Each structure stands twice: as C-alpha cells, then as structure tokens.
Amino acid sequence: MRRAGQAVGAIVRLQRLRAVREPGVAVGEIARAVAEGLERERRLTGGLAGAWAALCPAELFERSRVVRFTAGVVTVEVADAATRFRVDRWLRSGGRAALQARAGGGIRRVMLRVGGTRGVRASGD
C-alpha cells in the first residue's frame, strides 16, 4: 500500500513539473500587429510618407516624418527647431511644389510640428 501512495505522490509531482504551459506570443500575432500599425500610418498620411521619403533631402528626412494628412493639410513632425527651420527653407524653395506634384495637387498647406515622441528617426524606419 505504501508503494502505491508513493507512486501517486510521484505522479502528482511529475504532473506539476511537466504541466502544459500556455504558448507565448506567436510570430504571426506580432507580424499582424506590425502590419496593422503600418496600415494605420498609411491611412493617416494618405500615402504621403513615401513621397516625403522620395523627395525630402536625406539629412532632413532622418529627422522628420509625416504624421498626418487631413483636409489638404500635411503635418510633419521634426526633431528640433533647427530642423524645423531647414525643412521650412526646403519647402519654400520648391520642396512643397514637388510634394504637391507628387501627391496630385491635394496639398493646401504643410504644417511643421517640433518634438513628439520619436525625435530622431530610428534606423529601422
């Protein structure tokens, strides 16, 4: 009888040690979340982020990003005041016209905003 009790105790201990664990986050869920984030950004910017990347000078692009495009107003977030000044100069010297031509003429105004949560663009963006 004692052996049966020991066997049951050993089985219970073994079951606790080898309990089925809940699976972690699947790669598919992470990929889906990233895709949804990119889709949300595309909707918010109306596809202008690609035009901004193609037209904006590299040193300014690294420190700025298009965050919104609504009712003809493009909102661009820049890292600091110096970058804001340089982006403003670039826009006034033909950058806005090039951006407008690339966007099909739907841009009425480009608004620059300093700061935000990201500051300098990460290398993966």
C-alpha atoms as a PDB file:
ATOM      1  CA  MET A   1       0.000   0.000   0.000  1.00  0.00           C
ATOM      2  CA  ARG A   2       2.813   2.311   0.834  1.00  0.00           C
ATOM      3  CA  ARG A   3       4.248   1.808  -2.632  1.00  0.00           C
ATOM      4  CA  ALA A   4       1.003   2.812  -4.268  1.00  0.00           C
ATOM      5  CA  GLY A   5       0.927   6.033  -2.188  1.00  0.00           C
ATOM      6  CA  GLN A   6       4.494   6.842  -3.160  1.00  0.00           C
ATOM      7  CA  ALA A   7       3.712   6.203  -6.808  1.00  0.00           C
ATOM      8  CA  VAL A   8       0.696   8.517  -6.690  1.00  0.00           C
ATOM      9  CA  GLY A   9       2.801  11.230  -4.996  1.00  0.00           C
ATOM     10  CA  ALA A  10       5.499  10.848  -7.636  1.00  0.00           C
ATOM     11  CA  ILE A  11       2.942  11.107 -10.426  1.00  0.00           C
ATOM     12  CA  VAL A  12       1.430  14.257  -8.906  1.00  0.00           C
ATOM     13  CA  ARG A  13       4.883  15.861  -8.571  1.00  0.00           C
ATOM     14  CA  LEU A  14       5.714  14.894 -12.138  1.00  0.00           C
ATOM     15  CA  GLN A  15       2.445  16.362 -13.421  1.00  0.00           C
ATOM     16  CA  ARG A  16       3.200  19.678 -11.702  1.00  0.00           C
ATOM     17  CA  LEU A  17       6.689  19.784 -13.178  1.00  0.00           C
ATOM     18  CA  ARG A  18       5.534  18.843 -16.654  1.00  0.00           C
ATOM     19  CA  ALA A  19       2.375  20.896 -16.732  1.00  0.00           C
ATOM     20  CA  VAL A  20       1.343  22.140 -20.136  1.00  0.00           C
ATOM     21  CA  ARG A  21       2.261  25.777 -20.353  1.00  0.00           C
ATOM     22  CA  GLU A  22       0.324  28.347 -22.291  1.00  0.00           C
ATOM     23  CA  PRO A  23       2.121  29.195 -25.530  1.00  0.00           C
ATOM     24  CA  GLY A  24       3.823  32.556 -25.762  1.00  0.00           C
ATOM     25  CA  VAL A  25       3.049  35.202 -28.331  1.00  0.00           C
ATOM     26  CA  ALA A  26       3.154  33.718 -31.790  1.00  0.00           C
ATOM     27  CA  VAL A  27       5.187  35.299 -34.557  1.00  0.00           C
ATOM     28  CA  GLY A  28       2.025  35.595 -36.627  1.00  0.00           C
ATOM     29  CA  GLU A  29       0.423  37.809 -33.986  1.00  0.00           C
ATOM     30  CA  ILE A  30       3.439  40.117 -33.914  1.00  0.00           C
ATOM     31  CA  ALA A  31       3.518  40.321 -37.712  1.00  0.00           C
ATOM     32  CA  ARG A  32      -0.207  41.075 -37.772  1.00  0.00           C
ATOM     33  CA  ALA A  33       0.247  43.874 -35.217  1.00  0.00           C
ATOM     34  CA  VAL A  34       3.090  45.402 -37.239  1.00  0.00           C
ATOM     35  CA  ALA A  35       1.031  45.207 -40.441  1.00  0.00           C
ATOM     36  CA  GLU A  36      -1.928  46.881 -38.724  1.00  0.00           C
ATOM     37  CA  GLY A  37       0.350  49.666 -37.472  1.00  0.00           C
ATOM     38  CA  LEU A  38       1.723  50.245 -40.950  1.00  0.00           C
ATOM     39  CA  GLU A  39      -1.774  50.259 -42.426  1.00  0.00           C
ATOM     40  CA  ARG A  40      -2.918  52.787 -39.813  1.00  0.00           C
ATOM     41  CA  GLU A  41       0.059  55.026 -40.628  1.00  0.00           C
ATOM     42  CA  ARG A  42      -0.682  54.739 -44.350  1.00  0.00           C
ATOM     43  CA  ARG A  43      -4.304  55.751 -43.756  1.00  0.00           C
ATOM     44  CA  LEU A  44      -3.279  58.700 -41.566  1.00  0.00           C
ATOM     45  CA  THR A  45      -0.732  60.007 -44.045  1.00  0.00           C
ATOM     46  CA  GLY A  46      -2.661  59.206 -47.204  1.00  0.00           C
ATOM     47  CA  GLY A  47       0.416  57.579 -48.717  1.00  0.00           C
ATOM     48  CA  LEU A  48       2.375  60.823 -48.432  1.00  0.00           C
ATOM     49  CA  ALA A  49       5.067  59.212 -46.291  1.00  0.00           C
ATOM     50  CA  GLY A  50       6.509  57.560 -49.403  1.00  0.00           C
ATOM     51  CA  ALA A  51       6.511  60.834 -51.325  1.00  0.00           C
ATOM     52  CA  TRP A  52       8.183  62.541 -48.356  1.00  0.00           C
ATOM     53  CA  ALA A  53      10.852  59.830 -48.275  1.00  0.00           C
ATOM     54  CA  ALA A  54      11.499  60.173 -52.010  1.00  0.00           C
ATOM     55  CA  LEU A  55      11.655  63.978 -52.135  1.00  0.00           C
ATOM     56  CA  CYS A  56      12.996  65.163 -48.788  1.00  0.00           C
ATOM     57  CA  PRO A  57      16.789  65.568 -48.548  1.00  0.00           C
ATOM     58  CA  ALA A  58      18.361  62.704 -46.605  1.00  0.00           C
ATOM     59  CA  GLU A  59      19.663  64.815 -43.704  1.00  0.00           C
ATOM     60  CA  LEU A  60      16.177  66.281 -43.190  1.00  0.00           C
ATOM     61  CA  PHE A  61      14.343  63.011 -43.754  1.00  0.00           C
ATOM     62  CA  GLU A  62      16.308  61.370 -40.931  1.00  0.00           C
ATOM     63  CA  ARG A  63      14.999  63.996 -38.517  1.00  0.00           C
ATOM     64  CA  SER A  64      11.394  64.318 -39.707  1.00  0.00           C
ATOM     65  CA  ARG A  65       8.318  62.283 -40.554  1.00  0.00           C
ATOM     66  CA  VAL A  66       4.837  62.819 -41.968  1.00  0.00           C
ATOM     67  CA  VAL A  67       2.352  62.146 -39.185  1.00  0.00           C
ATOM     68  CA  ARG A  68      -0.977  63.188 -40.694  1.00  0.00           C
ATOM     69  CA  PHE A  69      -2.682  64.265 -43.900  1.00  0.00           C
ATOM     70  CA  THR A  70      -6.195  65.592 -43.396  1.00  0.00           C
ATOM     71  CA  ALA A  71      -8.273  68.043 -45.458  1.00  0.00           C
ATOM     72  CA  GLY A  72      -5.312  69.105 -47.544  1.00  0.00           C
ATOM     73  CA  VAL A  73      -3.080  69.822 -44.533  1.00  0.00           C
ATOM     74  CA  VAL A  74       0.102  67.764 -44.194  1.00  0.00           C
ATOM     75  CA  THR A  75       1.505  67.632 -40.655  1.00  0.00           C
ATOM     76  CA  VAL A  76       5.231  66.940 -40.476  1.00  0.00           C
ATOM     77  CA  GLU A  77       6.907  66.252 -37.141  1.00  0.00           C
ATOM     78  CA  VAL A  78      10.536  67.368 -36.855  1.00  0.00           C
ATOM     79  CA  ALA A  79      13.131  66.590 -34.187  1.00  0.00           C
ATOM     80  CA  ASP A  80      14.060  70.144 -33.161  1.00  0.00           C
ATOM     81  CA  ALA A  81      13.768  73.829 -34.032  1.00  0.00           C
ATOM     82  CA  ALA A  82      16.887  73.820 -36.212  1.00  0.00           C
ATOM     83  CA  THR A  83      15.469  71.001 -38.311  1.00  0.00           C
ATOM     84  CA  ARG A  84      12.134  72.818 -38.493  1.00  0.00           C
ATOM     85  CA  PHE A  85      13.912  75.869 -39.923  1.00  0.00           C
ATOM     86  CA  ARG A  86      15.792  73.789 -42.502  1.00  0.00           C
ATOM     87  CA  VAL A  87      12.648  71.875 -43.548  1.00  0.00           C
ATOM     88  CA  ASP A  88      10.772  75.182 -43.860  1.00  0.00           C
ATOM     89  CA  ARG A  89      13.533  76.574 -46.110  1.00  0.00           C
ATOM     90  CA  TRP A  90      13.460  73.420 -48.240  1.00  0.00           C
ATOM     91  CA  LEU A  91       9.656  73.553 -48.577  1.00  0.00           C
ATOM     92  CA  ARG A  92       9.739  77.243 -49.592  1.00  0.00           C
ATOM     93  CA  SER A  93      12.493  76.662 -52.136  1.00  0.00           C
ATOM     94  CA  GLY A  94      10.491  74.177 -54.177  1.00  0.00           C
ATOM     95  CA  GLY A  95      10.003  71.205 -51.896  1.00  0.00           C
ATOM     96  CA  ARG A  96       6.327  71.993 -51.334  1.00  0.00           C
ATOM     97  CA  ALA A  97       5.675  72.260 -55.070  1.00  0.00           C
ATOM     98  CA  ALA A  98       7.432  68.939 -55.697  1.00  0.00           C
ATOM     99  CA  LEU A  99       5.483  67.313 -52.873  1.00  0.00           C
ATOM    100  CA  GLN A 100       2.235  68.734 -54.214  1.00  0.00           C
ATOM    101  CA  ALA A 101       3.009  67.489 -57.728  1.00  0.00           C
ATOM    102  CA  ARG A 102       3.810  64.031 -56.361  1.00  0.00           C
ATOM    103  CA  ALA A 103       0.588  63.977 -54.305  1.00  0.00           C
ATOM    104  CA  GLY A 104      -1.596  65.029 -57.208  1.00  0.00           C
ATOM    105  CA  GLY A 105      -2.283  68.580 -56.028  1.00  0.00           C
ATOM    106  CA  GLY A 106      -4.263  67.739 -52.887  1.00  0.00           C
ATOM    107  CA  ILE A 107      -1.966  69.662 -50.534  1.00  0.00           C
ATOM    108  CA  ARG A 108      -3.171  73.078 -49.361  1.00  0.00           C
ATOM    109  CA  ARG A 109      -0.727  73.567 -46.515  1.00  0.00           C
ATOM    110  CA  VAL A 110       2.257  71.910 -44.818  1.00  0.00           C
ATOM    111  CA  MET A 111       2.329  72.333 -41.056  1.00  0.00           C
ATOM    112  CA  LEU A 112       5.572  71.674 -39.163  1.00  0.00           C
ATOM    113  CA  ARG A 113       5.494  70.466 -35.554  1.00  0.00           C
ATOM    114  CA  VAL A 114       8.565  70.292 -33.320  1.00  0.00           C
ATOM    115  CA  GLY A 115       9.050  67.414 -30.926  1.00  0.00           C
ATOM    116  CA  GLY A 116       6.886  64.430 -30.375  1.00  0.00           C
ATOM    117  CA  THR A 117       7.693  61.044 -29.002  1.00  0.00           C
ATOM    118  CA  ARG A 118      10.300  59.872 -31.512  1.00  0.00           C
ATOM    119  CA  GLY A 119      12.656  62.748 -32.159  1.00  0.00           C
ATOM    120  CA  VAL A 120      15.412  61.418 -34.407  1.00  0.00           C
ATOM    121  CA  ARG A 121      14.224  58.689 -36.750  1.00  0.00           C
ATOM    122  CA  ALA A 122      15.323  55.191 -35.847  1.00  0.00           C
ATOM    123  CA  SER A 123      17.404  53.407 -38.454  1.00  0.00           C
ATOM    124  CA  GLY A 124      14.679  50.773 -38.994  1.00  0.00           C
ATOM    125  CA  ASP A 125      12.069  53.314 -40.207  1.00  0.00           C
END
